[in-house]
Amino acid sequence: MKMLKSTLAVVTAATVLGMSGFAQAGATLDAVQKKGFVQCGVSDGLPGFSVPDATGKILGIDADVCRAVAAAVFGDATKVKFSQLNAKERFTALQSGEIDVLSRNTTWTSSRDAGMGLVFTGVTYYDGVGFLVNKKLGVKSAKELDGATICIQAGTTTELNVSDYFRGNGLKYTPITFDTSDESAKSLESGRCDVLTSDKSQLYAQRSKLASPNDYIVLPETISKEPLGPVVRKGDEDWFSIVKWTLFAMINAEEAGITSKNVEAQAKSTKNPDVARLLGADGEYGKDLKLPKDWVVQIVKQVGNYGEVFEKNLGKDTPLAIDRGLNALWNNGGIQYAPPVR
């Protein structure tokens, strides 16, 4: 989900730049290395993205991005601690230095990237707002929702997207807002509203938690662009580069056919110059990022390439069963693309 700027969450860029020295170049990496772990902000419970299992371990693609950062920095993907944050808390936690990186199904927008002292490092998941309905409603398209009662999480850009869509299509609706996504989903299930709206990934996740998931369908329309990705504080280029290139490394590894099972063998024996550079067998590209020579090897070995992480958390063999779609690689029908390591 995505939060609009509010007095609760907005810290001016000037204030952020002065907070405890965190925005000074290299300060975050130094602080992370000193304390021995990455503090990662994630959702307060979204299946496929970040949700605790029965033992309390946080699972999901957003959590795995943070594990990959830890693998790059420490050579150990377990050196990460998680802060579960709701939509209203997430930006303040990052601005204040409570967390080192926010990896929490958060949409990249101009106001967040330019007006909040924050900067996005890439796109983990290309998403868009959609609608979840009970099949018994008999609706096949969002354009049939005239007069519907719609559950929406408060303080999110979904509110604006839905308003724009209905106004643009000459439709009327009644919004009912809730503080958490779980409250919204329960209200749909109880019949208090006709429709639940959110990012489609979140709709699939919430559907998987309902008592009878097969009674509900996600309508075909996608009414907005929601590129979701990790966020860091503006002003620390070293840390920004590490988080950015961690995600790029995972995408490049998938494109090169490098997996958690073959990465060590490829690092030792590859004859492919691009793979040799990516895995540290040729050149000193990790040094540019203030990372060890085998930083990509550790990411892929311990966490996986982008495709492995997607399929493990969101793919067809999970309760969400989400198709890669736009999140497939650029040379396989999608738009996921990473600059090269060279």
C-alpha atoms as a PDB file:
ATOM      1  CA  MET A   1       0.000   0.000   0.000  1.00  0.00           C
ATOM      2  CA  LYS A   2       0.998   3.577  -0.512  1.00  0.00           C
ATOM      3  CA  MET A   3       0.711   6.535   1.850  1.00  0.00           C
ATOM      4  CA  LEU A   4       0.012  10.150   0.872  1.00  0.00           C
ATOM      5  CA  LYS A   5       2.149  12.822   2.482  1.00  0.00           C
ATOM      6  CA  SER A   6       0.702  13.826   5.841  1.00  0.00           C
ATOM      7  CA  THR A   7       1.716  15.800   8.865  1.00  0.00           C
ATOM      8  CA  LEU A   8       2.328  12.525  10.681  1.00  0.00           C
ATOM      9  CA  ALA A   9       4.895  11.241   8.203  1.00  0.00           C
ATOM     10  CA  VAL A  10       6.524  14.150   6.451  1.00  0.00           C
ATOM     11  CA  VAL A  11       9.915  15.292   7.628  1.00  0.00           C
ATOM     12  CA  THR A  12      11.461  18.030   5.544  1.00  0.00           C
ATOM     13  CA  ALA A  13      14.559  17.296   3.532  1.00  0.00           C
ATOM     14  CA  ALA A  14      16.490  19.814   5.607  1.00  0.00           C
ATOM     15  CA  THR A  15      15.524  18.056   8.822  1.00  0.00           C
ATOM     16  CA  VAL A  16      16.421  14.636   7.417  1.00  0.00           C
ATOM     17  CA  LEU A  17      19.840  15.834   6.308  1.00  0.00           C
ATOM     18  CA  GLY A  18      20.581  16.863   9.842  1.00  0.00           C
ATOM     19  CA  MET A  19      19.397  13.751  11.642  1.00  0.00           C
ATOM     20  CA  SER A  20      22.198  12.183  13.669  1.00  0.00           C
ATOM     21  CA  GLY A  21      24.573  12.384  10.737  1.00  0.00           C
ATOM     22  CA  PHE A  22      22.758   9.521   9.003  1.00  0.00           C
ATOM     23  CA  ALA A  23      22.497  11.363   5.692  1.00  0.00           C
ATOM     24  CA  GLN A  24      26.215  12.030   5.429  1.00  0.00           C
ATOM     25  CA  ALA A  25      28.022  10.017   2.767  1.00  0.00           C
ATOM     26  CA  GLY A  26      28.874   6.521   3.977  1.00  0.00           C
ATOM     27  CA  ALA A  27      27.374   7.006   7.433  1.00  0.00           C
ATOM     28  CA  THR A  28      24.687   4.339   7.070  1.00  0.00           C
ATOM     29  CA  LEU A  29      27.098   1.663   5.884  1.00  0.00           C
ATOM     30  CA  ASP A  30      29.476   2.539   8.741  1.00  0.00           C
ATOM     31  CA  ALA A  31      26.648   2.344  11.272  1.00  0.00           C
ATOM     32  CA  VAL A  32      25.367  -0.950   9.855  1.00  0.00           C
ATOM     33  CA  GLN A  33      28.837  -2.524   9.961  1.00  0.00           C
ATOM     34  CA  LYS A  34      29.395  -1.268  13.494  1.00  0.00           C
ATOM     35  CA  LYS A  35      26.165  -2.738  14.890  1.00  0.00           C
ATOM     36  CA  GLY A  36      26.537  -5.921  12.819  1.00  0.00           C
ATOM     37  CA  PHE A  37      23.162  -6.109  11.108  1.00  0.00           C
ATOM     38  CA  VAL A  38      20.774  -4.365   8.702  1.00  0.00           C
ATOM     39  CA  GLN A  39      17.592  -2.990  10.278  1.00  0.00           C
ATOM     40  CA  CYS A  40      14.884  -3.477   7.668  1.00  0.00           C
ATOM     41  CA  GLY A  41      11.380  -2.023   7.698  1.00  0.00           C
ATOM     42  CA  VAL A  42       8.710  -4.376   6.326  1.00  0.00           C
ATOM     43  CA  SER A  43       4.925  -4.585   6.340  1.00  0.00           C
ATOM     44  CA  ASP A  44       2.841  -5.522   9.352  1.00  0.00           C
ATOM     45  CA  GLY A  45       1.894  -8.796   7.668  1.00  0.00           C
ATOM     46  CA  LEU A  46       1.431  -9.230   3.899  1.00  0.00           C
ATOM     47  CA  PRO A  47       1.721 -12.793   2.536  1.00  0.00           C
ATOM     48  CA  GLY A  48       4.281 -13.129  -0.224  1.00  0.00           C
ATOM     49  CA  PHE A  49       5.970  -9.845   0.676  1.00  0.00           C
ATOM     50  CA  SER A  50       6.681  -9.909   4.416  1.00  0.00           C
ATOM     51  CA  VAL A  51       4.791 -12.015   6.931  1.00  0.00           C
ATOM     52  CA  PRO A  52       5.921 -14.039   9.972  1.00  0.00           C
ATOM     53  CA  ASP A  53       5.690 -17.832   9.803  1.00  0.00           C
ATOM     54  CA  ALA A  54       4.791 -20.071  12.738  1.00  0.00           C
ATOM     55  CA  THR A  55       8.264 -19.614  14.228  1.00  0.00           C
ATOM     56  CA  GLY A  56       8.226 -15.839  13.825  1.00  0.00           C
ATOM     57  CA  LYS A  57      10.614 -15.770  10.845  1.00  0.00           C
ATOM     58  CA  ILE A  58       9.684 -13.021   8.374  1.00  0.00           C
ATOM     59  CA  LEU A  59       9.086 -14.491   4.910  1.00  0.00           C
ATOM     60  CA  GLY A  60       8.463 -12.763   1.574  1.00  0.00           C
ATOM     61  CA  ILE A  61      10.084 -11.049  -1.380  1.00  0.00           C
ATOM     62  CA  ASP A  62      10.510  -7.742   0.479  1.00  0.00           C
ATOM     63  CA  ALA A  63      12.184  -9.519   3.396  1.00  0.00           C
ATOM     64  CA  ASP A  64      14.456 -11.408   1.007  1.00  0.00           C
ATOM     65  CA  VAL A  65      15.670  -8.158  -0.552  1.00  0.00           C
ATOM     66  CA  CYS A  66      16.882  -7.126   2.903  1.00  0.00           C
ATOM     67  CA  ARG A  67      18.507 -10.521   3.411  1.00  0.00           C
ATOM     68  CA  ALA A  68      20.283  -9.994   0.102  1.00  0.00           C
ATOM     69  CA  VAL A  69      21.617  -6.632   1.317  1.00  0.00           C
ATOM     70  CA  ALA A  70      22.924  -8.344   4.447  1.00  0.00           C
ATOM     71  CA  ALA A  71      24.549 -11.049   2.317  1.00  0.00           C
ATOM     72  CA  ALA A  72      26.254  -8.384   0.217  1.00  0.00           C
ATOM     73  CA  VAL A  73      27.522  -6.371   3.178  1.00  0.00           C
ATOM     74  CA  PHE A  74      28.378  -9.148   5.664  1.00  0.00           C
ATOM     75  CA  GLY A  75      28.493 -12.295   3.566  1.00  0.00           C
ATOM     76  CA  ASP A  76      25.701 -13.503   5.862  1.00  0.00           C
ATOM     77  CA  ALA A  77      22.027 -13.159   4.933  1.00  0.00           C
ATOM     78  CA  THR A  78      20.946 -13.773   8.527  1.00  0.00           C
ATOM     79  CA  LYS A  79      22.457 -10.506   9.740  1.00  0.00           C
ATOM     80  CA  VAL A  80      19.213  -8.585   9.389  1.00  0.00           C
ATOM     81  CA  LYS A  81      16.541  -7.536  11.868  1.00  0.00           C
ATOM     82  CA  PHE A  82      13.008  -6.621  10.877  1.00  0.00           C
ATOM     83  CA  SER A  83      10.709  -3.842  12.022  1.00  0.00           C
ATOM     84  CA  GLN A  84       7.064  -4.490  11.125  1.00  0.00           C
ATOM     85  CA  LEU A  85       5.478  -1.177  10.179  1.00  0.00           C
ATOM     86  CA  ASN A  86       2.028  -0.075   9.076  1.00  0.00           C
ATOM     87  CA  ALA A  87       1.470   2.409   6.250  1.00  0.00           C
ATOM     88  CA  LYS A  88       1.411   5.417   8.562  1.00  0.00           C
ATOM     89  CA  GLU A  89       4.637   4.507  10.380  1.00  0.00           C
ATOM     90  CA  ARG A  90       6.898   3.425   7.535  1.00  0.00           C
ATOM     91  CA  PHE A  91       8.304   6.727   6.241  1.00  0.00           C
ATOM     92  CA  THR A  92       8.834   8.262   9.667  1.00  0.00           C
ATOM     93  CA  ALA A  93      10.771   5.167  10.743  1.00  0.00           C
ATOM     94  CA  LEU A  94      13.136   5.570   7.800  1.00  0.00           C
ATOM     95  CA  GLN A  95      13.449   9.355   8.069  1.00  0.00           C
ATOM     96  CA  SER A  96      14.309   9.160  11.758  1.00  0.00           C
ATOM     97  CA  GLY A  97      16.992   6.487  11.345  1.00  0.00           C
ATOM     98  CA  GLU A  98      15.006   3.807  13.168  1.00  0.00           C
ATOM     99  CA  ILE A  99      15.529   1.557  10.130  1.00  0.00           C
ATOM    100  CA  ASP A 100      18.300   1.434   7.503  1.00  0.00           C
ATOM    101  CA  VAL A 101      16.121   0.492   4.539  1.00  0.00           C
ATOM    102  CA  LEU A 102      12.385   0.287   3.924  1.00  0.00           C
ATOM    103  CA  SER A 103      11.410  -2.759   1.866  1.00  0.00           C
ATOM    104  CA  ARG A 104       7.662  -2.711   2.283  1.00  0.00           C
ATOM    105  CA  ASN A 105       5.450  -2.878  -0.864  1.00  0.00           C
ATOM    106  CA  THR A 106       5.821   0.893  -1.218  1.00  0.00           C
ATOM    107  CA  THR A 107       5.049   2.773  -4.430  1.00  0.00           C
ATOM    108  CA  TRP A 108       7.702   4.944  -6.067  1.00  0.00           C
ATOM    109  CA  THR A 109       6.194   8.399  -6.692  1.00  0.00           C
ATOM    110  CA  SER A 110       7.613  11.833  -7.444  1.00  0.00           C
ATOM    111  CA  SER A 111       6.574  13.355  -4.109  1.00  0.00           C
ATOM    112  CA  ARG A 112       8.176  10.548  -2.131  1.00  0.00           C
ATOM    113  CA  ASP A 113      11.335  10.598  -4.215  1.00  0.00           C
ATOM    114  CA  ALA A 114      11.763  14.380  -4.185  1.00  0.00           C
ATOM    115  CA  GLY A 115       9.894  15.832  -1.224  1.00  0.00           C
ATOM    116  CA  MET A 116      10.426  13.567   1.767  1.00  0.00           C
ATOM    117  CA  GLY A 117      14.201  13.244   2.072  1.00  0.00           C
ATOM    118  CA  LEU A 118      13.982   9.707   0.693  1.00  0.00           C
ATOM    119  CA  VAL A 119      15.055   7.974  -2.504  1.00  0.00           C
ATOM    120  CA  PHE A 120      13.924   4.743  -4.175  1.00  0.00           C
ATOM    121  CA  THR A 121      16.593   2.275  -5.254  1.00  0.00           C
ATOM    122  CA  GLY A 122      14.727   0.250  -7.875  1.00  0.00           C
ATOM    123  CA  VAL A 123      11.592  -1.789  -8.504  1.00  0.00           C
ATOM    124  CA  THR A 124      11.113  -5.098  -6.743  1.00  0.00           C
ATOM    125  CA  TYR A 125       7.593  -5.601  -8.089  1.00  0.00           C
ATOM    126  CA  TYR A 126       5.624  -3.833 -10.836  1.00  0.00           C
ATOM    127  CA  ASP A 127       2.065  -3.549  -9.539  1.00  0.00           C
ATOM    128  CA  GLY A 128      -1.187  -1.630 -10.005  1.00  0.00           C
ATOM    129  CA  VAL A 129      -4.423  -0.961  -8.135  1.00  0.00           C
ATOM    130  CA  GLY A 130      -7.269  -3.395  -8.750  1.00  0.00           C
ATOM    131  CA  PHE A 131     -10.503  -4.684  -7.230  1.00  0.00           C
ATOM    132  CA  LEU A 132     -11.391  -7.873  -5.329  1.00  0.00           C
ATOM    133  CA  VAL A 133     -15.042  -8.996  -5.251  1.00  0.00           C
ATOM    134  CA  ASN A 134     -17.091 -11.968  -4.157  1.00  0.00           C
ATOM    135  CA  LYS A 135     -18.119 -14.059  -7.167  1.00  0.00           C
ATOM    136  CA  LYS A 136     -21.734 -13.975  -6.000  1.00  0.00           C
ATOM    137  CA  LEU A 137     -21.776 -10.249  -6.809  1.00  0.00           C
ATOM    138  CA  GLY A 138     -21.835 -11.306 -10.458  1.00  0.00           C
ATOM    139  CA  VAL A 139     -19.406  -8.604 -11.558  1.00  0.00           C
ATOM    140  CA  LYS A 140     -16.856  -9.255 -14.323  1.00  0.00           C
ATOM    141  CA  SER A 141     -15.442  -5.751 -14.791  1.00  0.00           C
ATOM    142  CA  ALA A 142     -14.673  -2.703 -12.675  1.00  0.00           C
ATOM    143  CA  LYS A 143     -16.921  -0.705 -14.983  1.00  0.00           C
ATOM    144  CA  GLU A 144     -19.873  -2.610 -13.494  1.00  0.00           C
ATOM    145  CA  LEU A 145     -19.179  -1.247  -9.994  1.00  0.00           C
ATOM    146  CA  ASP A 146     -21.434   1.815 -10.218  1.00  0.00           C
ATOM    147  CA  GLY A 147     -22.955   2.442  -6.767  1.00  0.00           C
ATOM    148  CA  ALA A 148     -20.653  -0.040  -5.000  1.00  0.00           C
ATOM    149  CA  THR A 149     -19.429   0.263  -1.433  1.00  0.00           C
ATOM    150  CA  ILE A 150     -15.632  -0.020  -1.457  1.00  0.00           C
ATOM    151  CA  CYS A 151     -13.249  -0.876   1.387  1.00  0.00           C
ATOM    152  CA  ILE A 152      -9.980   1.105   1.229  1.00  0.00           C
ATOM    153  CA  GLN A 153      -7.010   1.382   3.576  1.00  0.00           C
ATOM    154  CA  ALA A 154      -6.796   4.936   4.911  1.00  0.00           C
ATOM    155  CA  GLY A 155      -3.869   7.228   4.166  1.00  0.00           C
ATOM    156  CA  THR A 156      -2.916   5.593   0.863  1.00  0.00           C
ATOM    157  CA  THR A 157      -2.681   6.697  -2.736  1.00  0.00           C
ATOM    158  CA  THR A 158      -5.283   4.030  -3.500  1.00  0.00           C
ATOM    159  CA  GLU A 159      -7.903   6.504  -2.288  1.00  0.00           C
ATOM    160  CA  LEU A 160      -6.890   9.002  -4.994  1.00  0.00           C
ATOM    161  CA  ASN A 161      -6.556   6.334  -7.687  1.00  0.00           C
ATOM    162  CA  VAL A 162     -10.046   4.967  -7.045  1.00  0.00           C
ATOM    163  CA  SER A 163     -11.557   8.458  -6.935  1.00  0.00           C
ATOM    164  CA  ASP A 164      -9.916   9.315 -10.266  1.00  0.00           C
ATOM    165  CA  TYR A 165     -11.047   6.061 -11.887  1.00  0.00           C
ATOM    166  CA  PHE A 166     -14.675   6.342 -10.838  1.00  0.00           C
ATOM    167  CA  ARG A 167     -14.905  10.013 -11.735  1.00  0.00           C
ATOM    168  CA  GLY A 168     -13.257   9.403 -15.087  1.00  0.00           C
ATOM    169  CA  ASN A 169     -15.720   6.633 -15.920  1.00  0.00           C
ATOM    170  CA  GLY A 170     -18.819   8.455 -14.687  1.00  0.00           C
ATOM    171  CA  LEU A 171     -19.380   6.005 -11.819  1.00  0.00           C
ATOM    172  CA  LYS A 172     -20.423   6.556  -8.204  1.00  0.00           C
ATOM    173  CA  TYR A 173     -19.210   4.692  -5.128  1.00  0.00           C
ATOM    174  CA  THR A 174     -19.189   4.873  -1.333  1.00  0.00           C
ATOM    175  CA  PRO A 175     -15.774   4.500   0.330  1.00  0.00           C
ATOM    176  CA  ILE A 176     -15.288   2.913   3.740  1.00  0.00           C
ATOM    177  CA  THR A 177     -11.773   3.430   5.095  1.00  0.00           C
ATOM    178  CA  PHE A 178      -9.800   1.343   7.575  1.00  0.00           C
ATOM    179  CA  ASP A 179      -6.411   1.723   9.249  1.00  0.00           C
ATOM    180  CA  THR A 180      -5.104  -1.711   8.231  1.00  0.00           C
ATOM    181  CA  SER A 181      -5.420  -3.963   5.198  1.00  0.00           C
ATOM    182  CA  ASP A 182      -6.610  -6.833   7.390  1.00  0.00           C
ATOM    183  CA  GLU A 183      -9.529  -4.750   8.630  1.00  0.00           C
ATOM    184  CA  SER A 184     -10.445  -3.927   5.037  1.00  0.00           C
ATOM    185  CA  ALA A 185     -10.357  -7.590   4.003  1.00  0.00           C
ATOM    186  CA  LYS A 186     -12.474  -8.686   6.981  1.00  0.00           C
ATOM    187  CA  SER A 187     -15.079  -6.089   6.071  1.00  0.00           C
ATOM    188  CA  LEU A 188     -15.283  -7.480   2.538  1.00  0.00           C
ATOM    189  CA  GLU A 189     -15.659 -10.985   3.926  1.00  0.00           C
ATOM    190  CA  SER A 190     -18.399  -9.924   6.346  1.00  0.00           C
ATOM    191  CA  GLY A 191     -20.335  -8.183   3.578  1.00  0.00           C
ATOM    192  CA  ARG A 192     -19.914  -4.681   4.958  1.00  0.00           C
ATOM    193  CA  CYS A 193     -18.585  -3.617   1.566  1.00  0.00           C
ATOM    194  CA  ASP A 194     -19.005  -4.953  -1.979  1.00  0.00           C
ATOM    195  CA  VAL A 195     -15.414  -4.464  -3.084  1.00  0.00           C
ATOM    196  CA  LEU A 196     -11.904  -4.414  -1.635  1.00  0.00           C
ATOM    197  CA  THR A 197      -9.419  -2.230  -3.484  1.00  0.00           C
ATOM    198  CA  SER A 198      -5.637  -2.128  -3.173  1.00  0.00           C
ATOM    199  CA  ASP A 199      -2.535  -3.034  -5.151  1.00  0.00           C
ATOM    200  CA  LYS A 200      -3.275  -6.273  -6.977  1.00  0.00           C
ATOM    201  CA  SER A 201      -0.438  -8.066  -5.199  1.00  0.00           C
ATOM    202  CA  GLN A 202      -2.046  -7.167  -1.886  1.00  0.00           C
ATOM    203  CA  LEU A 203      -5.441  -8.332  -3.134  1.00  0.00           C
ATOM    204  CA  TYR A 204      -4.008 -11.754  -3.968  1.00  0.00           C
ATOM    205  CA  ALA A 205      -2.331 -11.840  -0.574  1.00  0.00           C
ATOM    206  CA  GLN A 206      -5.481 -10.855   1.305  1.00  0.00           C
ATOM    207  CA  ARG A 207      -7.574 -13.317  -0.703  1.00  0.00           C
ATOM    208  CA  SER A 208      -5.255 -16.133   0.406  1.00  0.00           C
ATOM    209  CA  LYS A 209      -6.086 -15.289   4.042  1.00  0.00           C
ATOM    210  CA  LEU A 210      -9.883 -15.406   3.627  1.00  0.00           C
ATOM    211  CA  ALA A 211     -11.870 -18.395   4.870  1.00  0.00           C
ATOM    212  CA  SER A 212     -12.978 -19.300   1.303  1.00  0.00           C
ATOM    213  CA  PRO A 213     -10.435 -17.746  -1.117  1.00  0.00           C
ATOM    214  CA  ASN A 214     -11.978 -19.416  -4.179  1.00  0.00           C
ATOM    215  CA  ASP A 215     -15.218 -17.464  -3.621  1.00  0.00           C
ATOM    216  CA  TYR A 216     -13.414 -14.236  -4.615  1.00  0.00           C
ATOM    217  CA  ILE A 217     -11.940 -12.947  -7.852  1.00  0.00           C
ATOM    218  CA  VAL A 218      -9.613 -10.091  -8.778  1.00  0.00           C
ATOM    219  CA  LEU A 219     -11.219  -8.119 -11.590  1.00  0.00           C
ATOM    220  CA  PRO A 220      -9.160  -7.716 -14.792  1.00  0.00           C
ATOM    221  CA  GLU A 221      -8.682  -3.951 -14.696  1.00  0.00           C
ATOM    222  CA  THR A 222      -5.455  -2.391 -13.415  1.00  0.00           C
ATOM    223  CA  ILE A 223      -6.199   1.281 -12.850  1.00  0.00           C
ATOM    224  CA  SER A 224      -2.806   2.694 -11.872  1.00  0.00           C
ATOM    225  CA  LYS A 225       0.960   2.244 -12.030  1.00  0.00           C
ATOM    226  CA  GLU A 226       2.422   1.071  -8.725  1.00  0.00           C
ATOM    227  CA  PRO A 227       6.157   0.313  -8.974  1.00  0.00           C
ATOM    228  CA  LEU A 228       7.066  -1.098  -5.565  1.00  0.00           C
ATOM    229  CA  GLY A 229      10.628  -1.009  -4.329  1.00  0.00           C
ATOM    230  CA  PRO A 230      13.149  -0.432  -1.540  1.00  0.00           C
ATOM    231  CA  VAL A 231      13.669   3.053  -0.107  1.00  0.00           C
ATOM    232  CA  VAL A 232      16.610   4.659   1.705  1.00  0.00           C
ATOM    233  CA  ARG A 233      17.346   8.097   3.106  1.00  0.00           C
ATOM    234  CA  LYS A 234      18.560  10.684   0.631  1.00  0.00           C
ATOM    235  CA  GLY A 235      22.095  11.990   1.010  1.00  0.00           C
ATOM    236  CA  ASP A 236      24.033   8.747   1.568  1.00  0.00           C
ATOM    237  CA  GLU A 237      25.179   7.708  -1.906  1.00  0.00           C
ATOM    238  CA  ASP A 238      27.226   4.745  -0.669  1.00  0.00           C
ATOM    239  CA  TRP A 239      24.270   3.082   1.010  1.00  0.00           C
ATOM    240  CA  PHE A 240      21.931   3.989  -1.851  1.00  0.00           C
ATOM    241  CA  SER A 241      24.298   2.282  -4.301  1.00  0.00           C
ATOM    242  CA  ILE A 242      24.578  -0.874  -2.200  1.00  0.00           C
ATOM    243  CA  VAL A 243      20.819  -1.366  -1.900  1.00  0.00           C
ATOM    244  CA  LYS A 244      20.287  -0.494  -5.569  1.00  0.00           C
ATOM    245  CA  TRP A 245      22.961  -2.826  -6.896  1.00  0.00           C
ATOM    246  CA  THR A 246      21.865  -5.651  -4.617  1.00  0.00           C
ATOM    247  CA  LEU A 247      18.533  -5.749  -6.445  1.00  0.00           C
ATOM    248  CA  PHE A 248      20.270  -5.318  -9.821  1.00  0.00           C
ATOM    249  CA  ALA A 249      22.600  -8.213  -8.989  1.00  0.00           C
ATOM    250  CA  MET A 250      19.642 -10.520  -8.337  1.00  0.00           C
ATOM    251  CA  ILE A 251      18.027  -9.562 -11.660  1.00  0.00           C
ATOM    252  CA  ASN A 252      21.289  -9.895 -13.606  1.00  0.00           C
ATOM    253  CA  ALA A 253      21.918 -13.297 -12.045  1.00  0.00           C
ATOM    254  CA  GLU A 254      18.565 -14.605 -13.257  1.00  0.00           C
ATOM    255  CA  GLU A 255      19.209 -13.269 -16.757  1.00  0.00           C
ATOM    256  CA  ALA A 256      22.604 -15.002 -16.817  1.00  0.00           C
ATOM    257  CA  GLY A 257      21.164 -18.304 -15.585  1.00  0.00           C
ATOM    258  CA  ILE A 258      23.026 -18.054 -12.280  1.00  0.00           C
ATOM    259  CA  THR A 259      21.107 -19.739  -9.459  1.00  0.00           C
ATOM    260  CA  SER A 260      21.635 -20.554  -5.817  1.00  0.00           C
ATOM    261  CA  LYS A 261      22.584 -24.092  -6.878  1.00  0.00           C
ATOM    262  CA  ASN A 262      25.209 -23.267  -9.524  1.00  0.00           C
ATOM    263  CA  VAL A 263      26.612 -19.893  -8.466  1.00  0.00           C
ATOM    264  CA  GLU A 264      29.715 -21.208  -6.702  1.00  0.00           C
ATOM    265  CA  ALA A 265      30.648 -23.492  -9.593  1.00  0.00           C
ATOM    266  CA  GLN A 266      30.060 -20.690 -12.109  1.00  0.00           C
ATOM    267  CA  ALA A 267      32.260 -18.313 -10.087  1.00  0.00           C
ATOM    268  CA  LYS A 268      35.131 -20.795 -10.355  1.00  0.00           C
ATOM    269  CA  SER A 269      34.775 -22.015 -13.940  1.00  0.00           C
ATOM    270  CA  THR A 270      32.773 -19.606 -16.099  1.00  0.00           C
ATOM    271  CA  LYS A 271      34.173 -18.648 -19.504  1.00  0.00           C
ATOM    272  CA  ASN A 272      31.531 -15.943 -19.966  1.00  0.00           C
ATOM    273  CA  PRO A 273      33.097 -12.480 -19.432  1.00  0.00           C
ATOM    274  CA  ASP A 274      29.820 -10.922 -18.223  1.00  0.00           C
ATOM    275  CA  VAL A 275      29.295 -13.694 -15.688  1.00  0.00           C
ATOM    276  CA  ALA A 276      32.916 -13.470 -14.551  1.00  0.00           C
ATOM    277  CA  ARG A 277      32.519  -9.747 -13.865  1.00  0.00           C
ATOM    278  CA  LEU A 278      29.169 -10.268 -12.115  1.00  0.00           C
ATOM    279  CA  LEU A 279      30.523 -12.975  -9.812  1.00  0.00           C
ATOM    280  CA  GLY A 280      33.831 -11.284  -9.011  1.00  0.00           C
ATOM    281  CA  ALA A 281      36.042 -13.671 -10.994  1.00  0.00           C
ATOM    282  CA  ASP A 282      37.177 -10.757 -13.162  1.00  0.00           C
ATOM    283  CA  GLY A 283      37.722  -7.174 -12.004  1.00  0.00           C
ATOM    284  CA  GLU A 284      37.200  -5.371  -8.700  1.00  0.00           C
ATOM    285  CA  TYR A 285      33.639  -4.164  -9.073  1.00  0.00           C
ATOM    286  CA  GLY A 286      32.703  -4.930  -5.479  1.00  0.00           C
ATOM    287  CA  LYS A 287      35.409  -2.544  -4.341  1.00  0.00           C
ATOM    288  CA  ASP A 288      33.592   0.339  -6.046  1.00  0.00           C
ATOM    289  CA  LEU A 289      30.606  -0.382  -3.790  1.00  0.00           C
ATOM    290  CA  LYS A 290      32.743  -0.904  -0.674  1.00  0.00           C
ATOM    291  CA  LEU A 291      31.708  -4.568  -0.761  1.00  0.00           C
ATOM    292  CA  PRO A 292      33.690  -7.837  -0.806  1.00  0.00           C
ATOM    293  CA  LYS A 293      34.772  -9.320  -4.130  1.00  0.00           C
ATOM    294  CA  ASP A 294      32.223 -12.157  -3.864  1.00  0.00           C
ATOM    295  CA  TRP A 295      29.243  -9.989  -2.888  1.00  0.00           C
ATOM    296  CA  VAL A 296      27.045 -11.257  -5.735  1.00  0.00           C
ATOM    297  CA  VAL A 297      28.018 -14.869  -5.072  1.00  0.00           C
ATOM    298  CA  GLN A 298      26.868 -14.503  -1.468  1.00  0.00           C
ATOM    299  CA  ILE A 299      23.576 -12.856  -2.473  1.00  0.00           C
ATOM    300  CA  VAL A 300      22.656 -15.584  -4.949  1.00  0.00           C
ATOM    301  CA  LYS A 301      24.017 -18.482  -2.885  1.00  0.00           C
ATOM    302  CA  GLN A 302      22.187 -17.495   0.290  1.00  0.00           C
ATOM    303  CA  VAL A 303      19.038 -15.770  -0.990  1.00  0.00           C
ATOM    304  CA  GLY A 304      18.663 -16.617  -4.697  1.00  0.00           C
ATOM    305  CA  ASN A 305      18.364 -14.762  -7.975  1.00  0.00           C
ATOM    306  CA  TYR A 306      15.314 -12.572  -8.637  1.00  0.00           C
ATOM    307  CA  GLY A 307      13.352 -15.364 -10.315  1.00  0.00           C
ATOM    308  CA  GLU A 308      14.027 -17.817  -7.483  1.00  0.00           C
ATOM    309  CA  VAL A 309      12.896 -15.287  -4.897  1.00  0.00           C
ATOM    310  CA  PHE A 310       9.765 -14.399  -6.902  1.00  0.00           C
ATOM    311  CA  GLU A 311       8.696 -18.007  -7.422  1.00  0.00           C
ATOM    312  CA  LYS A 312       9.391 -18.989  -3.804  1.00  0.00           C
ATOM    313  CA  ASN A 313       7.252 -16.190  -2.386  1.00  0.00           C
ATOM    314  CA  LEU A 314       4.684 -15.260  -5.031  1.00  0.00           C
ATOM    315  CA  GLY A 315       4.753 -17.818  -7.838  1.00  0.00           C
ATOM    316  CA  LYS A 316       2.428 -20.520  -9.124  1.00  0.00           C
ATOM    317  CA  ASP A 317       3.327 -23.007  -6.384  1.00  0.00           C
ATOM    318  CA  THR A 318       2.413 -20.584  -3.573  1.00  0.00           C
ATOM    319  CA  PRO A 319      -1.075 -19.744  -2.239  1.00  0.00           C
ATOM    320  CA  LEU A 320      -0.894 -16.433  -4.144  1.00  0.00           C
ATOM    321  CA  ALA A 321      -0.148 -18.104  -7.514  1.00  0.00           C
ATOM    322  CA  ILE A 322       0.848 -14.804  -9.169  1.00  0.00           C
ATOM    323  CA  ASP A 323       2.038 -14.929 -12.777  1.00  0.00           C
ATOM    324  CA  ARG A 324       5.326 -13.140 -13.493  1.00  0.00           C
ATOM    325  CA  GLY A 325       3.627 -10.771 -15.972  1.00  0.00           C
ATOM    326  CA  LEU A 326       5.440  -7.433 -16.050  1.00  0.00           C
ATOM    327  CA  ASN A 327       7.856  -8.829 -13.489  1.00  0.00           C
ATOM    328  CA  ALA A 328       9.311 -11.288 -15.983  1.00  0.00           C
ATOM    329  CA  LEU A 329      12.698 -10.353 -17.414  1.00  0.00           C
ATOM    330  CA  TRP A 330      12.809  -7.869 -20.283  1.00  0.00           C
ATOM    331  CA  ASN A 331      13.850 -10.640 -22.696  1.00  0.00           C
ATOM    332  CA  ASN A 332      11.039 -12.935 -21.572  1.00  0.00           C
ATOM    333  CA  GLY A 333       7.936 -10.786 -22.003  1.00  0.00           C
ATOM    334  CA  GLY A 334       8.289  -8.557 -18.944  1.00  0.00           C
ATOM    335  CA  ILE A 335      10.005  -5.290 -18.076  1.00  0.00           C
ATOM    336  CA  GLN A 336      12.433  -6.310 -15.299  1.00  0.00           C
ATOM    337  CA  TYR A 337      15.812  -5.032 -16.434  1.00  0.00           C
ATOM    338  CA  ALA A 338      19.066  -4.251 -14.652  1.00  0.00           C
ATOM    339  CA  PRO A 339      22.185  -2.337 -15.750  1.00  0.00           C
ATOM    340  CA  PRO A 340      25.281  -4.535 -16.071  1.00  0.00           C
ATOM    341  CA  VAL A 341      28.078  -4.993 -13.560  1.00  0.00           C
ATOM    342  CA  ARG A 342      31.145  -3.780 -15.444  1.00  0.00           C
END
